[in-house]
Amino acid sequence: MWKIVVGFVLFAALSLFVIMKAGDKVDMSGEKHGADALHAPEAPASAAVPAASAP
């Protein structure tokens, strides 16, 4: 029984440490789908390869 209490205390301490280090940057909302999902930014237009060159 005491092992469960010690495990809980260690887990709680680790959790509080991670939350304190991350501050307000932790997203606890779970998976995101649709409009809420964040995607990597698109490459700038200047870096795009031209499709075809006009003569």
Protein backbone atom coordinates (compact mmCIF):
# COMPACT_ATOMS: atom_id res chain seq x y z
CA MET A 1 0.00 0.00 0.00
CA TRP A 2 2.80 2.40 0.81
CA LYS A 3 4.29 1.82 -2.65
CA ILE A 4 1.09 3.15 -4.25
CA VAL A 5 1.28 6.31 -2.11
CA VAL A 6 4.97 6.82 -2.94
CA GLY A 7 4.26 6.29 -6.65
CA PHE A 8 1.41 8.79 -6.57
CA VAL A 9 3.54 11.39 -4.79
CA LEU A 10 6.38 10.94 -7.29
CA PHE A 11 4.00 11.16 -10.25
CA ALA A 12 2.34 14.29 -8.81
CA ALA A 13 5.72 15.92 -8.19
CA LEU A 14 6.88 15.14 -11.73
CA SER A 15 3.62 16.45 -13.17
CA LEU A 16 3.86 19.69 -11.21
CA PHE A 17 7.50 20.11 -12.26
CA VAL A 18 6.62 19.73 -15.96
CA ILE A 19 3.66 22.12 -15.68
CA MET A 20 5.75 24.73 -13.84
CA LYS A 21 8.55 24.50 -16.44
CA ALA A 22 6.21 24.71 -19.45
CA GLY A 23 4.10 27.53 -18.02
CA ASP A 24 1.13 28.48 -20.18
CA LYS A 25 2.51 26.72 -23.30
CA VAL A 26 0.96 23.34 -22.41
CA ASP A 27 -2.01 22.38 -24.59
CA MET A 28 -4.21 19.94 -22.69
CA SER A 29 -7.11 19.97 -25.15
CA GLY A 30 -6.25 16.66 -26.86
CA GLU A 31 -6.35 15.92 -30.57
CA LYS A 32 -7.46 18.65 -32.93
CA HIS A 33 -9.33 18.13 -36.18
CA GLY A 34 -10.66 20.48 -38.83
CA ALA A 35 -10.26 24.24 -38.48
CA ASP A 36 -8.74 23.98 -35.00
CA ALA A 37 -5.77 21.95 -36.23
CA LEU A 38 -2.49 23.80 -36.61
CA HIS A 39 -0.44 22.99 -39.66
CA ALA A 40 3.08 23.89 -40.66
CA PRO A 41 3.28 27.25 -42.42
CA GLU A 42 3.31 27.14 -46.19
CA ALA A 43 6.52 27.84 -48.06
CA PRO A 44 6.84 31.37 -49.47
CA ALA A 45 5.81 31.85 -53.11
CA SER A 46 9.38 32.77 -54.10
CA ALA A 47 10.59 29.31 -53.05
CA ALA A 48 8.02 27.55 -55.23
CA VAL A 49 9.26 25.86 -58.38
CA PRO A 50 7.74 27.38 -61.55
CA ALA A 51 5.43 24.97 -63.37
CA ALA A 52 6.49 25.88 -66.93
CA SER A 53 8.49 28.61 -68.61
CA ALA A 54 6.81 30.58 -71.38
CA PRO A 55 8.94 31.00 -74.54
